[in-house]
Amino acid sequence: QVQLVESGGGLVQPGGSLRLSCAASGFTFDVYAIAWFRQAPGKEREGVSCISRDSSRTNYADSVKGRFTISRDYGKNTVYLQMNSLNAEDTAVYYCARVKLGRGLTMRPSDYDYWGQGTQVTVSS
């Protein structure tokens, strides 16, 4: 069955870095775009970044451009989110998700069909 498992979250000081991982299984990895979303308490889930199936295209939310980098490793069926210069506004549960076929490269949650369980990122001094 399709599985997405996030890891790498934790507590980090402002200005620090974290690398999140999303290990995928149960489907052909290089057929699907993958995205990262996040949800802070009391807020809607928002798209953070997405990467096309062949890594040729990426998109980022304006709030993370220049600080976050998405990538994927086809040998490990894993998508990464490198997060630098973290601040308190980045505190959230981070989820990875697989796009529905035919939806292109979007960051609309409704365009994604399988989700991981999430990993908590807390930025605090």
PDB file of N, CA and C in Angstrom:
ATOM      1  N   GLN A   1       0.836  -1.183   0.000  1.00  0.00           N
ATOM      2  CA  GLN A   1       0.000   0.000   0.000  1.00  0.00           C
ATOM      3  C   GLN A   1       0.885   1.252   0.000  1.00  0.00           C
ATOM      4  N   VAL A   2       0.288   2.348  -0.433  1.00  0.00           N
ATOM      5  CA  VAL A   2       1.028   3.605  -0.489  1.00  0.00           C
ATOM      6  C   VAL A   2       1.329   4.081   0.929  1.00  0.00           C
ATOM      7  N   GLN A   3       2.587   4.421   1.151  1.00  0.00           N
ATOM      8  CA  GLN A   3       2.991   4.965   2.439  1.00  0.00           C
ATOM      9  C   GLN A   3       3.944   6.122   2.242  1.00  0.00           C
ATOM     10  N   LEU A   4       3.754   7.148   3.041  1.00  0.00           N
ATOM     11  CA  LEU A   4       4.663   8.287   3.115  1.00  0.00           C
ATOM     12  C   LEU A   4       4.986   8.495   4.586  1.00  0.00           C
ATOM     13  N   VAL A   5       6.266   8.475   4.916  1.00  0.00           N
ATOM     14  CA  VAL A   5       6.674   8.571   6.312  1.00  0.00           C
ATOM     15  C   VAL A   5       7.657   9.721   6.460  1.00  0.00           C
ATOM     16  N   GLU A   6       7.254  10.735   7.218  1.00  0.00           N
ATOM     17  CA  GLU A   6       8.103  11.901   7.457  1.00  0.00           C
ATOM     18  C   GLU A   6       8.998  11.670   8.676  1.00  0.00           C
ATOM     19  N   SER A   7      10.136  12.312   8.655  1.00  0.00           N
ATOM     20  CA  SER A   7      11.036  12.305   9.802  1.00  0.00           C
ATOM     21  C   SER A   7      11.909  13.544   9.739  1.00  0.00           C
ATOM     22  N   GLY A   8      12.607  13.814  10.850  1.00  0.00           N
ATOM     23  CA  GLY A   8      13.560  14.918  10.860  1.00  0.00           C
ATOM     24  C   GLY A   8      13.095  16.161  11.597  1.00  0.00           C
ATOM     25  N   GLY A   9      11.871  16.169  12.062  1.00  0.00           N
ATOM     26  CA  GLY A   9      11.389  17.323  12.812  1.00  0.00           C
ATOM     27  C   GLY A   9      12.036  17.408  14.183  1.00  0.00           C
ATOM     28  N   GLY A  10      11.755  18.500  14.881  1.00  0.00           N
ATOM     29  CA  GLY A  10      12.298  18.670  16.212  1.00  0.00           C
ATOM     30  C   GLY A  10      12.245  20.117  16.654  1.00  0.00           C
ATOM     31  N   LEU A  11      12.958  20.376  17.738  1.00  0.00           N
ATOM     32  CA  LEU A  11      13.054  21.724  18.293  1.00  0.00           C
ATOM     33  C   LEU A  11      14.351  22.367  17.824  1.00  0.00           C
ATOM     34  N   VAL A  12      14.254  23.572  17.297  1.00  0.00           N
ATOM     35  CA  VAL A  12      15.436  24.271  16.801  1.00  0.00           C
ATOM     36  C   VAL A  12      15.331  25.749  17.179  1.00  0.00           C
ATOM     37  N   GLN A  13      16.463  26.371  17.405  1.00  0.00           N
ATOM     38  CA  GLN A  13      16.490  27.794  17.747  1.00  0.00           C
ATOM     39  C   GLN A  13      16.265  28.651  16.501  1.00  0.00           C
ATOM     40  N   PRO A  14      15.758  29.852  16.682  1.00  0.00           N
ATOM     41  CA  PRO A  14      15.627  30.760  15.532  1.00  0.00           C
ATOM     42  C   PRO A  14      16.961  30.936  14.821  1.00  0.00           C
ATOM     43  N   GLY A  15      16.891  30.898  13.505  1.00  0.00           N
ATOM     44  CA  GLY A  15      18.102  30.979  12.702  1.00  0.00           C
ATOM     45  C   GLY A  15      18.727  29.646  12.385  1.00  0.00           C
ATOM     46  N   GLY A  16      18.230  28.600  13.009  1.00  0.00           N
ATOM     47  CA  GLY A  16      18.780  27.273  12.805  1.00  0.00           C
ATOM     48  C   GLY A  16      18.242  26.577  11.568  1.00  0.00           C
ATOM     49  N   SER A  17      18.666  25.322  11.403  1.00  0.00           N
ATOM     50  CA  SER A  17      18.304  24.540  10.225  1.00  0.00           C
ATOM     51  C   SER A  17      17.805  23.157  10.620  1.00  0.00           C
ATOM     52  N   LEU A  18      16.984  22.600   9.767  1.00  0.00           N
ATOM     53  CA  LEU A  18      16.535  21.217   9.879  1.00  0.00           C
ATOM     54  C   LEU A  18      16.380  20.658   8.475  1.00  0.00           C
ATOM     55  N   ARG A  19      16.537  19.345   8.353  1.00  0.00           N
ATOM     56  CA  ARG A  19      16.237  18.675   7.092  1.00  0.00           C
ATOM     57  C   ARG A  19      15.171  17.622   7.347  1.00  0.00           C
ATOM     58  N   LEU A  20      14.040  17.799   6.699  1.00  0.00           N
ATOM     59  CA  LEU A  20      12.957  16.820   6.787  1.00  0.00           C
ATOM     60  C   LEU A  20      13.105  15.796   5.667  1.00  0.00           C
ATOM     61  N   SER A  21      12.698  14.565   5.967  1.00  0.00           N
ATOM     62  CA  SER A  21      12.707  13.486   4.982  1.00  0.00           C
ATOM     63  C   SER A  21      11.313  12.911   4.847  1.00  0.00           C
ATOM     64  N   CYS A  22      10.996  12.485   3.650  1.00  0.00           N
ATOM     65  CA  CYS A  22       9.720  11.837   3.367  1.00  0.00           C
ATOM     66  C   CYS A  22      10.033  10.552   2.605  1.00  0.00           C
ATOM     67  N   ALA A  23       9.948   9.419   3.280  1.00  0.00           N
ATOM     68  CA  ALA A  23      10.236   8.132   2.665  1.00  0.00           C
ATOM     69  C   ALA A  23       8.971   7.562   2.047  1.00  0.00           C
ATOM     70  N   ALA A  24       9.027   7.292   0.750  1.00  0.00           N
ATOM     71  CA  ALA A  24       7.854   6.832   0.016  1.00  0.00           C
ATOM     72  C   ALA A  24       7.968   5.344  -0.311  1.00  0.00           C
ATOM     73  N   SER A  25       6.840   4.657  -0.292  1.00  0.00           N
ATOM     74  CA  SER A  25       6.810   3.249  -0.664  1.00  0.00           C
ATOM     75  C   SER A  25       5.423   2.879  -1.162  1.00  0.00           C
ATOM     76  N   GLY A  26       5.351   1.763  -1.879  1.00  0.00           N
ATOM     77  CA  GLY A  26       4.060   1.266  -2.341  1.00  0.00           C
ATOM     78  C   GLY A  26       3.583   1.831  -3.653  1.00  0.00           C
ATOM     79  N   PHE A  27       4.418   2.631  -4.318  1.00  0.00           N
ATOM     80  CA  PHE A  27       4.050   3.165  -5.625  1.00  0.00           C
ATOM     81  C   PHE A  27       5.327   3.485  -6.392  1.00  0.00           C
ATOM     82  N   THR A  28       5.180   3.734  -7.695  1.00  0.00           N
ATOM     83  CA  THR A  28       6.330   4.056  -8.528  1.00  0.00           C
ATOM     84  C   THR A  28       6.731   5.502  -8.291  1.00  0.00           C
ATOM     85  N   PHE A  29       7.828   5.659  -7.608  1.00  0.00           N
ATOM     86  CA  PHE A  29       8.226   6.971  -7.069  1.00  0.00           C
ATOM     87  C   PHE A  29       8.384   8.028  -8.149  1.00  0.00           C
ATOM     88  N   ASP A  30       8.957   7.672  -9.290  1.00  0.00           N
ATOM     89  CA  ASP A  30       9.285   8.691 -10.285  1.00  0.00           C
ATOM     90  C   ASP A  30       8.114   9.022 -11.217  1.00  0.00           C
ATOM     91  N   VAL A  31       6.915   8.601 -10.862  1.00  0.00           N
ATOM     92  CA  VAL A  31       5.723   8.930 -11.640  1.00  0.00           C
ATOM     93  C   VAL A  31       4.969  10.116 -11.045  1.00  0.00           C
ATOM     94  N   TYR A  32       5.221  10.401  -9.781  1.00  0.00           N
ATOM     95  CA  TYR A  32       4.399  11.368  -9.051  1.00  0.00           C
ATOM     96  C   TYR A  32       5.192  12.563  -8.535  1.00  0.00           C
ATOM     97  N   ALA A  33       4.584  13.742  -8.652  1.00  0.00           N
ATOM     98  CA  ALA A  33       5.095  14.900  -7.921  1.00  0.00           C
ATOM     99  C   ALA A  33       4.802  14.706  -6.432  1.00  0.00           C
ATOM    100  N   ILE A  34       5.646  15.300  -5.627  1.00  0.00           N
ATOM    101  CA  ILE A  34       5.508  15.238  -4.170  1.00  0.00           C
ATOM    102  C   ILE A  34       5.575  16.651  -3.619  1.00  0.00           C
ATOM    103  N   ALA A  35       4.818  16.911  -2.589  1.00  0.00           N
ATOM    104  CA  ALA A  35       4.820  18.237  -1.976  1.00  0.00           C
ATOM    105  C   ALA A  35       4.952  18.146  -0.466  1.00  0.00           C
ATOM    106  N   TRP A  36       5.409  19.249   0.091  1.00  0.00           N
ATOM    107  CA  TRP A  36       5.415  19.443   1.544  1.00  0.00           C
ATOM    108  C   TRP A  36       4.357  20.490   1.889  1.00  0.00           C
ATOM    109  N   PHE A  37       3.600  20.204   2.935  1.00  0.00           N
ATOM    110  CA  PHE A  37       2.618  21.121   3.481  1.00  0.00           C
ATOM    111  C   PHE A  37       2.925  21.316   4.962  1.00  0.00           C
ATOM    112  N   ARG A  38       2.323  22.328   5.533  1.00  0.00           N
ATOM    113  CA  ARG A  38       2.453  22.502   6.981  1.00  0.00           C
ATOM    114  C   ARG A  38       1.143  23.065   7.539  1.00  0.00           C
ATOM    115  N   GLN A  39       0.952  22.788   8.809  1.00  0.00           N
ATOM    116  CA  GLN A  39      -0.248  23.286   9.485  1.00  0.00           C
ATOM    117  C   GLN A  39       0.110  23.695  10.894  1.00  0.00           C
ATOM    118  N   ALA A  40      -0.078  24.971  11.168  1.00  0.00           N
ATOM    119  CA  ALA A  40       0.142  25.511  12.504  1.00  0.00           C
ATOM    120  C   ALA A  40      -1.180  25.471  13.269  1.00  0.00           C
ATOM    121  N   PRO A  41      -1.118  25.484  14.597  1.00  0.00           N
ATOM    122  CA  PRO A  41      -2.346  25.447  15.401  1.00  0.00           C
ATOM    123  C   PRO A  41      -3.292  26.581  15.026  1.00  0.00           C
ATOM    124  N   GLY A  42      -4.542  26.245  14.782  1.00  0.00           N
ATOM    125  CA  GLY A  42      -5.542  27.255  14.472  1.00  0.00           C
ATOM    126  C   GLY A  42      -5.498  27.790  13.057  1.00  0.00           C
ATOM    127  N   LYS A  43      -4.614  27.236  12.231  1.00  0.00           N
ATOM    128  CA  LYS A  43      -4.479  27.721  10.853  1.00  0.00           C
ATOM    129  C   LYS A  43      -4.777  26.599   9.869  1.00  0.00           C
ATOM    130  N   GLU A  44      -5.090  26.993   8.642  1.00  0.00           N
ATOM    131  CA  GLU A  44      -5.318  26.015   7.597  1.00  0.00           C
ATOM    132  C   GLU A  44      -3.997  25.411   7.122  1.00  0.00           C
ATOM    133  N   ARG A  45      -4.113  24.225   6.555  1.00  0.00           N
ATOM    134  CA  ARG A  45      -2.927  23.598   5.978  1.00  0.00           C
ATOM    135  C   ARG A  45      -2.501  24.383   4.747  1.00  0.00           C
ATOM    136  N   GLU A  46      -1.205  24.654   4.632  1.00  0.00           N
ATOM    137  CA  GLU A  46      -0.697  25.443   3.515  1.00  0.00           C
ATOM    138  C   GLU A  46       0.434  24.725   2.803  1.00  0.00           C
ATOM    139  N   GLY A  47       0.508  24.937   1.505  1.00  0.00           N
ATOM    140  CA  GLY A  47       1.588  24.359   0.728  1.00  0.00           C
ATOM    141  C   GLY A  47       2.889  25.083   0.993  1.00  0.00           C
ATOM    142  N   VAL A  48       3.958  24.342   1.163  1.00  0.00           N
ATOM    143  CA  VAL A  48       5.285  24.889   1.416  1.00  0.00           C
ATOM    144  C   VAL A  48       6.155  24.789   0.160  1.00  0.00           C
ATOM    145  N   SER A  49       6.191  23.600  -0.428  1.00  0.00           N
ATOM    146  CA  SER A  49       7.023  23.388  -1.603  1.00  0.00           C
ATOM    147  C   SER A  49       6.582  22.117  -2.307  1.00  0.00           C
ATOM    148  N   CYS A  50       6.856  22.049  -3.606  1.00  0.00           N
ATOM    149  CA  CYS A  50       6.549  20.835  -4.356  1.00  0.00           C
ATOM    150  C   CYS A  50       7.633  20.616  -5.403  1.00  0.00           C
ATOM    151  N   ILE A  51       7.770  19.365  -5.829  1.00  0.00           N
ATOM    152  CA  ILE A  51       8.789  18.998  -6.793  1.00  0.00           C
ATOM    153  C   ILE A  51       8.177  18.044  -7.804  1.00  0.00           C
ATOM    154  N   SER A  52       8.500  18.281  -9.078  1.00  0.00           N
ATOM    155  CA  SER A  52       7.946  17.442 -10.130  1.00  0.00           C
ATOM    156  C   SER A  52       8.540  16.046 -10.084  1.00  0.00           C
ATOM    157  N   ARG A  53       7.948  15.150 -10.848  1.00  0.00           N
ATOM    158  CA  ARG A  53       8.354  13.751 -10.771  1.00  0.00           C
ATOM    159  C   ARG A  53       9.798  13.544 -11.219  1.00  0.00           C
ATOM    160  N   ASP A  54      10.292  14.409 -12.118  1.00  0.00           N
ATOM    161  CA  ASP A  54      11.672  14.256 -12.606  1.00  0.00           C
ATOM    162  C   ASP A  54      12.621  15.294 -12.015  1.00  0.00           C
ATOM    163  N   SER A  55      12.152  16.040 -11.024  1.00  0.00           N
ATOM    164  CA  SER A  55      12.931  17.082 -10.336  1.00  0.00           C
ATOM    165  C   SER A  55      13.260  18.285 -11.209  1.00  0.00           C
ATOM    166  N   SER A  56      12.661  18.388 -12.389  1.00  0.00           N
ATOM    167  CA  SER A  56      12.985  19.511 -13.272  1.00  0.00           C
ATOM    168  C   SER A  56      12.309  20.808 -12.834  1.00  0.00           C
ATOM    169  N   ARG A  57      11.232  20.709 -12.071  1.00  0.00           N
ATOM    170  CA  ARG A  57      10.509  21.901 -11.613  1.00  0.00           C
ATOM    171  C   ARG A  57      10.239  21.819 -10.126  1.00  0.00           C
ATOM    172  N   THR A  58      10.368  22.991  -9.489  1.00  0.00           N
ATOM    173  CA  THR A  58      10.024  23.108  -8.079  1.00  0.00           C
ATOM    174  C   THR A  58       9.256  24.407  -7.868  1.00  0.00           C
ATOM    175  N   ASN A  59       8.425  24.429  -6.849  1.00  0.00           N
ATOM    176  CA  ASN A  59       7.713  25.638  -6.449  1.00  0.00           C
ATOM    177  C   ASN A  59       7.850  25.813  -4.952  1.00  0.00           C
ATOM    178  N   TYR A  60       7.799  27.060  -4.537  1.00  0.00           N
ATOM    179  CA  TYR A  60       7.910  27.380  -3.118  1.00  0.00           C
ATOM    180  C   TYR A  60       6.880  28.441  -2.745  1.00  0.00           C
ATOM    181  N   ALA A  61       6.375  28.347  -1.537  1.00  0.00           N
ATOM    182  CA  ALA A  61       5.568  29.424  -0.995  1.00  0.00           C
ATOM    183  C   ALA A  61       6.449  30.651  -0.827  1.00  0.00           C
ATOM    184  N   ASP A  62       5.855  31.823  -0.995  1.00  0.00           N
ATOM    185  CA  ASP A  62       6.643  33.055  -0.874  1.00  0.00           C
ATOM    186  C   ASP A  62       7.330  33.156   0.483  1.00  0.00           C
ATOM    187  N   SER A  63       6.679  32.640   1.508  1.00  0.00           N
ATOM    188  CA  SER A  63       7.205  32.774   2.868  1.00  0.00           C
ATOM    189  C   SER A  63       8.477  31.966   3.104  1.00  0.00           C
ATOM    190  N   VAL A  64       8.781  31.010   2.216  1.00  0.00           N
ATOM    191  CA  VAL A  64       9.961  30.159   2.428  1.00  0.00           C
ATOM    192  C   VAL A  64      10.988  30.277   1.302  1.00  0.00           C
ATOM    193  N   LYS A  65      10.680  31.037   0.261  1.00  0.00           N
ATOM    194  CA  LYS A  65      11.616  31.181  -0.852  1.00  0.00           C
ATOM    195  C   LYS A  65      12.950  31.719  -0.380  1.00  0.00           C
ATOM    196  N   GLY A  66      14.017  31.101  -0.856  1.00  0.00           N
ATOM    197  CA  GLY A  66      15.360  31.509  -0.475  1.00  0.00           C
ATOM    198  C   GLY A  66      15.845  30.885   0.819  1.00  0.00           C
ATOM    199  N   ARG A  67      14.934  30.236   1.556  1.00  0.00           N
ATOM    200  CA  ARG A  67      15.332  29.605   2.824  1.00  0.00           C
ATOM    201  C   ARG A  67      15.188  28.091   2.781  1.00  0.00           C
ATOM    202  N   PHE A  68      14.205  27.589   2.056  1.00  0.00           N
ATOM    203  CA  PHE A  68      13.918  26.157   1.987  1.00  0.00           C
ATOM    204  C   PHE A  68      14.304  25.628   0.604  1.00  0.00           C
ATOM    205  N   THR A  69      14.745  24.365   0.575  1.00  0.00           N
ATOM    206  CA  THR A  69      15.079  23.705  -0.681  1.00  0.00           C
ATOM    207  C   THR A  69      14.498  22.304  -0.678  1.00  0.00           C
ATOM    208  N   ILE A  70      13.771  21.969  -1.728  1.00  0.00           N
ATOM    209  CA  ILE A  70      13.195  20.633  -1.863  1.00  0.00           C
ATOM    210  C   ILE A  70      14.033  19.836  -2.862  1.00  0.00           C
ATOM    211  N   SER A  71      14.174  18.542  -2.604  1.00  0.00           N
ATOM    212  CA  SER A  71      14.923  17.672  -3.511  1.00  0.00           C
ATOM    213  C   SER A  71      14.406  16.245  -3.345  1.00  0.00           C
ATOM    214  N   ARG A  72      14.797  15.393  -4.276  1.00  0.00           N
ATOM    215  CA  ARG A  72      14.382  14.000  -4.155  1.00  0.00           C
ATOM    216  C   ARG A  72      15.517  13.077  -4.572  1.00  0.00           C
ATOM    217  N   ASP A  73      15.584  11.926  -3.895  1.00  0.00           N
ATOM    218  CA  ASP A  73      16.608  10.911  -4.132  1.00  0.00           C
ATOM    219  C   ASP A  73      15.895   9.673  -4.657  1.00  0.00           C
ATOM    220  N   TYR A  74      16.126   9.367  -5.929  1.00  0.00           N
ATOM    221  CA  TYR A  74      15.403   8.257  -6.563  1.00  0.00           C
ATOM    222  C   TYR A  74      15.924   6.898  -6.115  1.00  0.00           C
ATOM    223  N   GLY A  75      17.154   6.846  -5.680  1.00  0.00           N
ATOM    224  CA  GLY A  75      17.699   5.592  -5.169  1.00  0.00           C
ATOM    225  C   GLY A  75      17.112   5.214  -3.825  1.00  0.00           C
ATOM    226  N   LYS A  76      16.692   6.228  -3.072  1.00  0.00           N
ATOM    227  CA  LYS A  76      16.138   5.992  -1.738  1.00  0.00           C
ATOM    228  C   LYS A  76      14.633   6.240  -1.681  1.00  0.00           C
ATOM    229  N   ASN A  77      14.025   6.604  -2.811  1.00  0.00           N
ATOM    230  CA  ASN A  77      12.587   6.937  -2.830  1.00  0.00           C
ATOM    231  C   ASN A  77      12.230   7.916  -1.718  1.00  0.00           C
ATOM    232  N   THR A  78      13.012   8.959  -1.611  1.00  0.00           N
ATOM    233  CA  THR A  78      12.846   9.913  -0.516  1.00  0.00           C
ATOM    234  C   THR A  78      12.859  11.342  -1.051  1.00  0.00           C
ATOM    235  N   VAL A  79      12.004  12.156  -0.477  1.00  0.00           N
ATOM    236  CA  VAL A  79      11.979  13.592  -0.775  1.00  0.00           C
ATOM    237  C   VAL A  79      12.442  14.333   0.471  1.00  0.00           C
ATOM    238  N   TYR A  80      13.280  15.317   0.260  1.00  0.00           N
ATOM    239  CA  TYR A  80      13.843  16.086   1.368  1.00  0.00           C
ATOM    240  C   TYR A  80      13.340  17.522   1.332  1.00  0.00           C
ATOM    241  N   LEU A  81      13.302  18.140   2.514  1.00  0.00           N
ATOM    242  CA  LEU A  81      13.052  19.571   2.610  1.00  0.00           C
ATOM    243  C   LEU A  81      14.115  20.141   3.534  1.00  0.00           C
ATOM    244  N   GLN A  82      15.084  20.817   2.947  1.00  0.00           N
ATOM    245  CA  GLN A  82      16.124  21.495   3.721  1.00  0.00           C
ATOM    246  C   GLN A  82      15.601  22.856   4.130  1.00  0.00           C
ATOM    247  N   MET A  83      15.575  23.107   5.413  1.00  0.00           N
ATOM    248  CA  MET A  83      15.015  24.344   5.939  1.00  0.00           C
ATOM    249  C   MET A  83      16.109  25.119   6.678  1.00  0.00           C
ATOM    250  N   ASN A  84      16.408  26.302   6.194  1.00  0.00           N
ATOM    251  CA  ASN A  84      17.429  27.155   6.805  1.00  0.00           C
ATOM    252  C   ASN A  84      16.811  28.448   7.299  1.00  0.00           C
ATOM    253  N   SER A  85      17.538  29.147   8.143  1.00  0.00           N
ATOM    254  CA  SER A  85      17.088  30.447   8.671  1.00  0.00           C
ATOM    255  C   SER A  85      15.677  30.350   9.231  1.00  0.00           C
ATOM    256  N   LEU A  86      15.453  29.353  10.026  1.00  0.00           N
ATOM    257  CA  LEU A  86      14.109  29.125  10.566  1.00  0.00           C
ATOM    258  C   LEU A  86      13.713  30.217  11.544  1.00  0.00           C
ATOM    259  N   ASN A  87      12.430  30.518  11.562  1.00  0.00           N
ATOM    260  CA  ASN A  87      11.893  31.487  12.512  1.00  0.00           C
ATOM    261  C   ASN A  87      10.614  30.936  13.138  1.00  0.00           C
ATOM    262  N   ALA A  88      10.092  31.653  14.102  1.00  0.00           N
ATOM    263  CA  ALA A  88       8.947  31.156  14.865  1.00  0.00           C
ATOM    264  C   ALA A  88       7.732  30.884  13.978  1.00  0.00           C
ATOM    265  N   GLU A  89       7.607  31.630  12.898  1.00  0.00           N
ATOM    266  CA  GLU A  89       6.462  31.455  11.990  1.00  0.00           C
ATOM    267  C   GLU A  89       6.530  30.136  11.217  1.00  0.00           C
ATOM    268  N   ASP A  90       7.663  29.470  11.269  1.00  0.00           N
ATOM    269  CA  ASP A  90       7.800  28.168  10.612  1.00  0.00           C
ATOM    270  C   ASP A  90       7.337  27.022  11.508  1.00  0.00           C
ATOM    271  N   THR A  91       7.012  27.323  12.742  1.00  0.00           N
ATOM    272  CA  THR A  91       6.538  26.287  13.661  1.00  0.00           C
ATOM    273  C   THR A  91       5.220  25.702  13.178  1.00  0.00           C
ATOM    274  N   ALA A  92       5.192  24.400  12.996  1.00  0.00           N
ATOM    275  CA  ALA A  92       4.000  23.725  12.462  1.00  0.00           C
ATOM    276  C   ALA A  92       4.267  22.230  12.408  1.00  0.00           C
ATOM    277  N   VAL A  93       3.210  21.479  12.122  1.00  0.00           N
ATOM    278  CA  VAL A  93       3.377  20.084  11.734  1.00  0.00           C
ATOM    279  C   VAL A  93       3.558  20.064  10.220  1.00  0.00           C
ATOM    280  N   TYR A  94       4.603  19.388   9.778  1.00  0.00           N
ATOM    281  CA  TYR A  94       4.926  19.321   8.357  1.00  0.00           C
ATOM    282  C   TYR A  94       4.526  17.952   7.812  1.00  0.00           C
ATOM    283  N   TYR A  95       3.844  17.972   6.673  1.00  0.00           N
ATOM    284  CA  TYR A  95       3.364  16.761   6.023  1.00  0.00           C
ATOM    285  C   TYR A  95       3.909  16.681   4.599  1.00  0.00           C
ATOM    286  N   CYS A  96       4.196  15.470   4.152  1.00  0.00           N
ATOM    287  CA  CYS A  96       4.439  15.292   2.726  1.00  0.00           C
ATOM    288  C   CYS A  96       3.240  14.573   2.123  1.00  0.00           C
ATOM    289  N   ALA A  97       3.056  14.770   0.831  1.00  0.00           N
ATOM    290  CA  ALA A  97       1.883  14.216   0.164  1.00  0.00           C
ATOM    291  C   ALA A  97       2.209  13.919  -1.293  1.00  0.00           C
ATOM    292  N   ARG A  98       1.455  12.967  -1.849  1.00  0.00           N
ATOM    293  CA  ARG A  98       1.618  12.569  -3.247  1.00  0.00           C
ATOM    294  C   ARG A  98       0.496  13.172  -4.083  1.00  0.00           C
ATOM    295  N   VAL A  99       0.886  13.729  -5.233  1.00  0.00           N
ATOM    296  CA  VAL A  99      -0.107  14.383  -6.085  1.00  0.00           C
ATOM    297  C   VAL A  99      -1.019  13.362  -6.753  1.00  0.00           C
ATOM    298  N   LYS A 100      -2.248  13.755  -7.018  1.00  0.00           N
ATOM    299  CA  LYS A 100      -3.148  12.932  -7.826  1.00  0.00           C
ATOM    300  C   LYS A 100      -2.683  13.018  -9.271  1.00  0.00           C
ATOM    301  N   LEU A 101      -2.688  11.909  -9.969  1.00  0.00           N
ATOM    302  CA  LEU A 101      -2.239  11.909 -11.360  1.00  0.00           C
ATOM    303  C   LEU A 101      -3.072  12.883 -12.184  1.00  0.00           C
ATOM    304  N   GLY A 102      -2.367  13.656 -13.038  1.00  0.00           N
ATOM    305  CA  GLY A 102      -3.045  14.589 -13.917  1.00  0.00           C
ATOM    306  C   GLY A 102      -3.230  15.976 -13.344  1.00  0.00           C
ATOM    307  N   ARG A 103      -2.845  16.187 -12.093  1.00  0.00           N
ATOM    308  CA  ARG A 103      -3.070  17.499 -11.456  1.00  0.00           C
ATOM    309  C   ARG A 103      -1.906  18.449 -11.660  1.00  0.00           C
ATOM    310  N   GLY A 104      -0.818  17.994 -12.228  1.00  0.00           N
ATOM    311  CA  GLY A 104       0.312  18.880 -12.440  1.00  0.00           C
ATOM    312  C   GLY A 104       1.041  19.200 -11.149  1.00  0.00           C
ATOM    313  N   LEU A 105       1.774  20.305 -11.175  1.00  0.00           N
ATOM    314  CA  LEU A 105       2.583  20.700 -10.024  1.00  0.00           C
ATOM    315  C   LEU A 105       1.862  21.825  -9.295  1.00  0.00           C
ATOM    316  N   THR A 106       1.141  21.459  -8.259  1.00  0.00           N
ATOM    317  CA  THR A 106       0.353  22.430  -7.503  1.00  0.00           C
ATOM    318  C   THR A 106       0.682  22.340  -6.026  1.00  0.00           C
ATOM    319  N   MET A 107       0.186  23.291  -5.279  1.00  0.00           N
ATOM    320  CA  MET A 107       0.301  23.231  -3.823  1.00  0.00           C
ATOM    321  C   MET A 107      -1.079  23.380  -3.183  1.00  0.00           C
ATOM    322  N   ARG A 108      -2.083  22.896  -3.890  1.00  0.00           N
ATOM    323  CA  ARG A 108      -3.433  22.848  -3.318  1.00  0.00           C
ATOM    324  C   ARG A 108      -3.613  21.504  -2.632  1.00  0.00           C
ATOM    325  N   PRO A 109      -3.937  21.502  -1.363  1.00  0.00           N
ATOM    326  CA  PRO A 109      -4.111  20.220  -0.656  1.00  0.00           C
ATOM    327  C   PRO A 109      -5.097  19.281  -1.344  1.00  0.00           C
ATOM    328  N   SER A 110      -6.107  19.816  -1.982  1.00  0.00           N
ATOM    329  CA  SER A 110      -7.126  18.981  -2.618  1.00  0.00           C
ATOM    330  C   SER A 110      -6.585  18.223  -3.829  1.00  0.00           C
ATOM    331  N   ASP A 111      -5.417  18.588  -4.313  1.00  0.00           N
ATOM    332  CA  ASP A 111      -4.803  17.901  -5.455  1.00  0.00           C
ATOM    333  C   ASP A 111      -3.925  16.726  -5.031  1.00  0.00           C
ATOM    334  N   TYR A 112      -3.889  16.431  -3.740  1.00  0.00           N
ATOM    335  CA  TYR A 112      -3.025  15.372  -3.216  1.00  0.00           C
ATOM    336  C   TYR A 112      -3.871  14.286  -2.560  1.00  0.00           C
ATOM    337  N   ASP A 113      -3.491  13.020  -2.815  1.00  0.00           N
ATOM    338  CA  ASP A 113      -4.356  11.934  -2.360  1.00  0.00           C
ATOM    339  C   ASP A 113      -3.801  11.121  -1.199  1.00  0.00           C
ATOM    340  N   TYR A 114      -2.498  11.028  -1.066  1.00  0.00           N
ATOM    341  CA  TYR A 114      -1.912  10.282   0.046  1.00  0.00           C
ATOM    342  C   TYR A 114      -1.013  11.204   0.856  1.00  0.00           C
ATOM    343  N   TRP A 115      -1.128  11.065   2.180  1.00  0.00           N
ATOM    344  CA  TRP A 115      -0.435  11.950   3.099  1.00  0.00           C
ATOM    345  C   TRP A 115       0.320  11.135   4.141  1.00  0.00           C
ATOM    346  N   GLY A 116       1.436  11.707   4.584  1.00  0.00           N
ATOM    347  CA  GLY A 116       2.120  11.120   5.722  1.00  0.00           C
ATOM    348  C   GLY A 116       1.453  11.524   7.023  1.00  0.00           C
ATOM    349  N   GLN A 117       2.023  11.049   8.137  1.00  0.00           N
ATOM    350  CA  GLN A 117       1.431  11.298   9.443  1.00  0.00           C
ATOM    351  C   GLN A 117       1.871  12.644  10.026  1.00  0.00           C
ATOM    352  N   GLY A 118       2.892  13.232   9.444  1.00  0.00           N
ATOM    353  CA  GLY A 118       3.362  14.536   9.889  1.00  0.00           C
ATOM    354  C   GLY A 118       4.528  14.447  10.857  1.00  0.00           C
ATOM    355  N   THR A 119       5.329  15.508  10.865  1.00  0.00           N
ATOM    356  CA  THR A 119       6.431  15.630  11.816  1.00  0.00           C
ATOM    357  C   THR A 119       6.432  17.062  12.357  1.00  0.00           C
ATOM    358  N   GLN A 120       6.589  17.188  13.660  1.00  0.00           N
ATOM    359  CA  GLN A 120       6.494  18.505  14.316  1.00  0.00           C
ATOM    360  C   GLN A 120       7.808  19.256  14.189  1.00  0.00           C
ATOM    361  N   VAL A 121       7.711  20.509  13.782  1.00  0.00           N
ATOM    362  CA  VAL A 121       8.847  21.425  13.768  1.00  0.00           C
ATOM    363  C   VAL A 121       8.509  22.582  14.701  1.00  0.00           C
ATOM    364  N   THR A 122       9.358  22.805  15.677  1.00  0.00           N
ATOM    365  CA  THR A 122       9.162  23.891  16.631  1.00  0.00           C
ATOM    366  C   THR A 122      10.402  24.773  16.633  1.00  0.00           C
ATOM    367  N   VAL A 123      10.195  26.046  16.357  1.00  0.00           N
ATOM    368  CA  VAL A 123      11.295  27.007  16.338  1.00  0.00           C
ATOM    369  C   VAL A 123      11.118  27.921  17.543  1.00  0.00           C
ATOM    370  N   SER A 124      12.025  27.794  18.483  1.00  0.00           N
ATOM    371  CA  SER A 124      11.900  28.550  19.726  1.00  0.00           C
ATOM    372  C   SER A 124      13.251  28.645  20.410  1.00  0.00           C
ATOM    373  N   SER A 125      13.444  29.765  21.123  1.00  0.00           N
ATOM    374  CA  SER A 125      14.668  29.910  21.903  1.00  0.00           C
ATOM    375  C   SER A 125      14.441  29.451  23.335  1.00  0.00           C
TER     376      SER A 125
END
